[in-house]
Amino acid sequence: MRVPDISEYQDIPRTAIVLGRKWDADTPPDVWLPPIEARMRVTALGVLATEGLVDTAAFSGGHTRPHSISEARSMRMYLDEEFPDLQIDKLLEEKSLDTAANARLTGELFQDIARGGPFTLISSGASLWRQTRIFEEEGFDIHPVAAEPLVALRSLEHAAMVRKYLRSPRHQKTQLLELGMRGLLTVDRKGILTKRISSSERTRFDEGLRVEPRSDAE
């Protein structure tokens, strides 16, 4: 992984969308800390915002297992903890359970602004190509930004953490899954099949009660 210079991000759109990552199935219900991928996405946002390159951020991600707190809210809480002095506008989209819904519902969140963008889309490098395609199908003008290189910019300790993560079985599993989902998108540009795969991995919680993922008709 090449660690970039912050000057390479000078021309990105100043409104960012940060995508959540589903909770690990074994995460205790009383833990709000998001998974490592989501933490890196938030840290990447913090690095950009600290440099004055982002002034509005929308966190997108709903209530997925095994928590009642949303992915979006947990990311905002993590940003506030890691970057307490950061002064940016923070929006929450807390209903989506997959990338297609991330795009559709974030679009509704921004309907009173410039609906199509441009927007900076922050996510993990392995997932970014697929997520960008789905957002573009929804009419967004997207500038994709991978989280990992920006996290590595923060400190030597962060860079070592990112390199360890990129070598991990967890990341390798994600890469294999994303390769398969990329193939599906060549025949399924709207992401309907990938939505079903994502939804099968997620369970929505509402006030502590289990609710099965919504159908495509909803």
Protein backbone atom coordinates (compact mmCIF):
# COMPACT_ATOMS: atom_id res chain seq x y z
CA MET A 1 0.00 0.00 0.00
CA ARG A 2 1.32 3.41 -0.99
CA VAL A 3 0.87 6.13 1.63
CA PRO A 4 -0.23 9.28 -0.22
CA ASP A 5 0.39 12.94 0.44
CA ILE A 6 -2.58 14.91 1.73
CA SER A 7 -2.16 17.32 -1.19
CA GLU A 8 -3.52 14.57 -3.46
CA TYR A 9 -6.97 15.14 -1.92
CA GLN A 10 -7.15 18.92 -2.39
CA ASP A 11 -9.80 18.75 -5.13
CA ILE A 12 -12.25 16.28 -3.59
CA PRO A 13 -15.88 17.36 -3.04
CA ARG A 14 -16.35 18.91 0.40
CA THR A 15 -19.46 16.86 1.19
CA ALA A 16 -18.64 13.27 2.14
CA ILE A 17 -20.70 10.11 2.49
CA VAL A 18 -19.24 7.56 4.91
CA LEU A 19 -20.59 4.04 4.54
CA GLY A 20 -21.10 1.78 7.53
CA ARG A 21 -20.08 -1.82 7.91
CA LYS A 22 -22.29 -4.52 9.43
CA TRP A 23 -21.66 -5.42 13.04
CA ASP A 24 -19.69 -8.58 13.74
CA ALA A 25 -22.10 -11.32 14.85
CA ASP A 26 -20.24 -11.87 18.13
CA THR A 27 -20.18 -8.21 19.19
CA PRO A 28 -21.84 -7.82 22.63
CA PRO A 29 -25.07 -5.77 22.51
CA ASP A 30 -23.72 -3.16 24.95
CA VAL A 31 -20.68 -2.32 22.77
CA TRP A 32 -21.13 0.73 20.54
CA LEU A 33 -17.63 0.71 18.99
CA PRO A 34 -18.01 0.02 15.24
CA PRO A 35 -16.06 -2.72 13.40
CA ILE A 36 -12.49 -1.97 12.33
CA GLU A 37 -13.49 -1.23 8.72
CA ALA A 38 -15.99 1.41 9.86
CA ARG A 39 -13.46 2.87 12.29
CA MET A 40 -10.96 3.28 9.47
CA ARG A 41 -13.58 4.98 7.27
CA VAL A 42 -14.35 7.43 10.07
CA THR A 43 -10.66 8.06 10.72
CA ALA A 44 -10.18 8.79 7.02
CA LEU A 45 -12.98 11.35 7.23
CA GLY A 46 -11.35 12.86 10.31
CA VAL A 47 -8.02 13.22 8.52
CA LEU A 48 -9.67 14.98 5.57
CA ALA A 49 -11.81 17.22 7.75
CA THR A 50 -8.87 18.18 9.97
CA GLU A 51 -7.15 19.45 6.83
CA GLY A 52 -10.24 21.49 5.91
CA LEU A 53 -11.07 19.30 2.92
CA VAL A 54 -14.52 18.17 4.11
CA ASP A 55 -17.12 20.33 5.86
CA THR A 56 -20.23 18.10 5.72
CA ALA A 57 -20.44 14.36 6.34
CA ALA A 58 -23.36 11.94 6.06
CA PHE A 59 -22.98 8.65 7.91
CA SER A 60 -25.01 5.91 6.27
CA GLY A 61 -25.95 2.56 7.84
CA GLY A 62 -28.97 1.12 9.61
CA HIS A 63 -29.70 -1.14 12.57
CA THR A 64 -27.87 -4.39 11.89
CA ARG A 65 -27.15 -7.35 14.14
CA PRO A 66 -26.68 -7.64 17.02
CA HIS A 67 -27.22 -4.00 18.05
CA SER A 68 -30.05 -1.56 18.52
CA ILE A 69 -27.71 1.36 17.77
CA SER A 70 -27.32 2.11 14.06
CA GLU A 71 -24.09 1.84 12.10
CA ALA A 72 -24.42 5.54 11.27
CA ARG A 73 -24.79 6.65 14.87
CA SER A 74 -21.88 4.51 16.06
CA MET A 75 -19.64 6.08 13.40
CA ARG A 76 -20.62 9.59 14.45
CA MET A 77 -19.90 8.69 18.08
CA TYR A 78 -16.49 7.34 17.07
CA LEU A 79 -15.69 10.52 15.13
CA ASP A 80 -16.64 12.64 18.14
CA GLU A 81 -14.38 10.54 20.37
CA GLU A 82 -11.36 10.47 18.06
CA PHE A 83 -11.67 14.03 16.73
CA PRO A 84 -13.44 15.94 19.54
CA ASP A 85 -12.55 19.40 18.25
CA LEU A 86 -13.71 18.80 14.68
CA GLN A 87 -16.27 21.35 13.49
CA ILE A 88 -18.23 19.89 10.58
CA ASP A 89 -21.90 19.27 9.82
CA LYS A 90 -22.89 15.66 10.59
CA LEU A 91 -25.94 13.96 9.10
CA LEU A 92 -27.29 10.48 9.87
CA GLU A 93 -28.99 8.00 7.55
CA GLU A 94 -30.06 5.16 9.86
CA LYS A 95 -32.42 2.95 7.82
CA SER A 96 -30.32 1.31 5.12
CA LEU A 97 -29.36 -2.38 5.24
CA ASP A 98 -27.36 -2.64 1.99
CA THR A 99 -25.47 -0.45 -0.49
CA ALA A 100 -28.45 0.14 -2.79
CA ALA A 101 -30.41 1.47 0.19
CA ASN A 102 -27.35 3.49 1.30
CA ALA A 103 -27.52 5.28 -2.03
CA ARG A 104 -31.29 5.70 -2.22
CA LEU A 105 -31.77 6.90 1.36
CA THR A 106 -28.70 9.14 1.37
CA GLY A 107 -30.12 10.72 -1.77
CA GLU A 108 -33.29 11.49 0.17
CA LEU A 109 -31.17 12.96 2.96
CA PHE A 110 -29.62 15.40 0.48
CA GLN A 111 -32.77 16.14 -1.51
CA ASP A 112 -32.82 19.74 -0.33
CA ILE A 113 -29.20 20.24 -1.41
CA ALA A 114 -27.65 19.17 -4.72
CA ARG A 115 -29.23 15.74 -5.12
CA GLY A 116 -26.60 14.31 -7.44
CA GLY A 117 -23.49 15.75 -5.92
CA PRO A 118 -20.61 15.78 -6.36
CA PHE A 119 -19.86 13.78 -3.23
CA THR A 120 -16.79 12.17 -1.75
CA LEU A 121 -17.61 8.52 -1.00
CA ILE A 122 -15.45 7.09 1.80
CA SER A 123 -15.29 3.34 2.25
CA SER A 124 -12.86 0.43 2.39
CA GLY A 125 -10.72 -0.05 -0.69
CA ALA A 126 -11.91 -3.60 -1.31
CA SER A 127 -15.57 -2.54 -1.47
CA LEU A 128 -15.24 0.87 -3.08
CA TRP A 129 -15.49 -0.10 -6.77
CA ARG A 130 -18.82 -1.91 -6.28
CA GLN A 131 -20.26 0.75 -3.99
CA THR A 132 -19.31 3.53 -6.39
CA ARG A 133 -21.07 1.76 -9.28
CA ILE A 134 -24.26 1.39 -7.25
CA PHE A 135 -24.25 5.05 -6.19
CA GLU A 136 -23.68 6.14 -9.78
CA GLU A 137 -26.65 4.05 -10.89
CA GLU A 138 -28.71 6.10 -8.42
CA GLY A 139 -27.59 9.29 -10.17
CA PHE A 140 -24.78 10.39 -7.87
CA ASP A 141 -21.64 12.17 -9.05
CA ILE A 142 -19.12 10.26 -6.92
CA HIS A 143 -15.46 10.80 -6.08
CA PRO A 144 -14.39 7.52 -4.41
CA VAL A 145 -11.82 7.65 -1.59
CA ALA A 146 -10.36 4.53 -0.01
CA ALA A 147 -10.01 4.79 3.74
CA GLU A 148 -6.85 2.79 4.36
CA PRO A 149 -4.24 5.13 2.79
CA LEU A 150 -5.68 8.11 4.65
CA VAL A 151 -5.62 6.24 7.97
CA ALA A 152 -1.95 5.44 7.36
CA LEU A 153 -1.30 9.17 7.01
CA ARG A 154 -2.34 9.84 10.59
CA SER A 155 0.69 8.28 12.31
CA LEU A 156 3.26 5.51 12.05
CA GLU A 157 1.17 3.50 14.49
CA HIS A 158 -1.89 3.86 12.27
CA ALA A 159 0.13 2.88 9.20
CA ALA A 160 1.30 -0.30 10.94
CA MET A 161 -2.28 -1.12 11.94
CA VAL A 162 -3.50 -0.71 8.36
CA ARG A 163 -0.77 -2.95 6.96
CA LYS A 164 -1.59 -5.62 9.53
CA TYR A 165 -5.27 -5.42 8.61
CA LEU A 166 -4.58 -5.68 4.88
CA ARG A 167 -2.66 -8.93 5.50
CA SER A 168 -5.38 -10.40 7.72
CA PRO A 169 -7.69 -13.34 6.84
CA ARG A 170 -10.60 -10.99 7.55
CA HIS A 171 -9.54 -8.66 4.75
CA GLN A 172 -8.76 -11.52 2.38
CA LYS A 173 -12.26 -12.91 2.91
CA THR A 174 -13.74 -9.51 2.11
CA GLN A 175 -11.69 -9.30 -1.08
CA LEU A 176 -12.95 -12.68 -2.28
CA LEU A 177 -16.56 -11.73 -1.54
CA GLU A 178 -16.18 -8.41 -3.34
CA LEU A 179 -14.72 -10.09 -6.43
CA GLY A 180 -17.80 -12.27 -6.64
CA MET A 181 -20.14 -9.32 -6.17
CA ARG A 182 -18.30 -7.33 -8.84
CA GLY A 183 -19.05 -10.12 -11.27
CA LEU A 184 -22.74 -9.95 -10.38
CA LEU A 185 -22.81 -6.21 -11.05
CA THR A 186 -21.83 -6.74 -14.68
CA VAL A 187 -25.28 -8.29 -15.24
CA ASP A 188 -27.09 -6.62 -12.35
CA ARG A 189 -26.28 -2.91 -12.59
CA LYS A 190 -28.96 -1.93 -10.07
CA GLY A 191 -27.45 -4.21 -7.43
CA ILE A 192 -30.62 -6.27 -6.84
CA LEU A 193 -28.76 -9.56 -6.48
CA THR A 194 -26.02 -8.04 -4.34
CA LYS A 195 -28.72 -6.45 -2.20
CA ARG A 196 -30.17 -9.89 -1.51
CA ILE A 197 -26.73 -11.21 -0.57
CA SER A 198 -26.10 -8.28 1.76
CA SER A 199 -29.54 -8.47 3.34
CA SER A 200 -29.14 -12.17 4.04
CA GLU A 201 -26.12 -11.26 6.19
CA ARG A 202 -27.93 -8.58 8.15
CA THR A 203 -30.69 -8.43 10.74
CA ARG A 204 -32.41 -5.21 11.76
CA PHE A 205 -33.12 -4.43 15.38
CA ASP A 206 -35.81 -1.99 16.48
CA GLU A 207 -36.01 -1.09 20.18
CA GLY A 208 -34.34 -4.39 21.04
CA LEU A 209 -36.79 -6.52 19.04
CA ARG A 210 -35.60 -8.61 16.13
CA VAL A 211 -37.00 -7.64 12.74
CA GLU A 212 -36.20 -9.60 9.61
CA PRO A 213 -34.64 -7.76 6.66
CA ARG A 214 -37.13 -5.96 4.46
CA SER A 215 -38.25 -7.44 1.14
CA ASP A 216 -37.37 -5.82 -2.18
CA ALA A 217 -40.93 -4.54 -2.42
CA GLU A 218 -40.59 -2.37 0.66
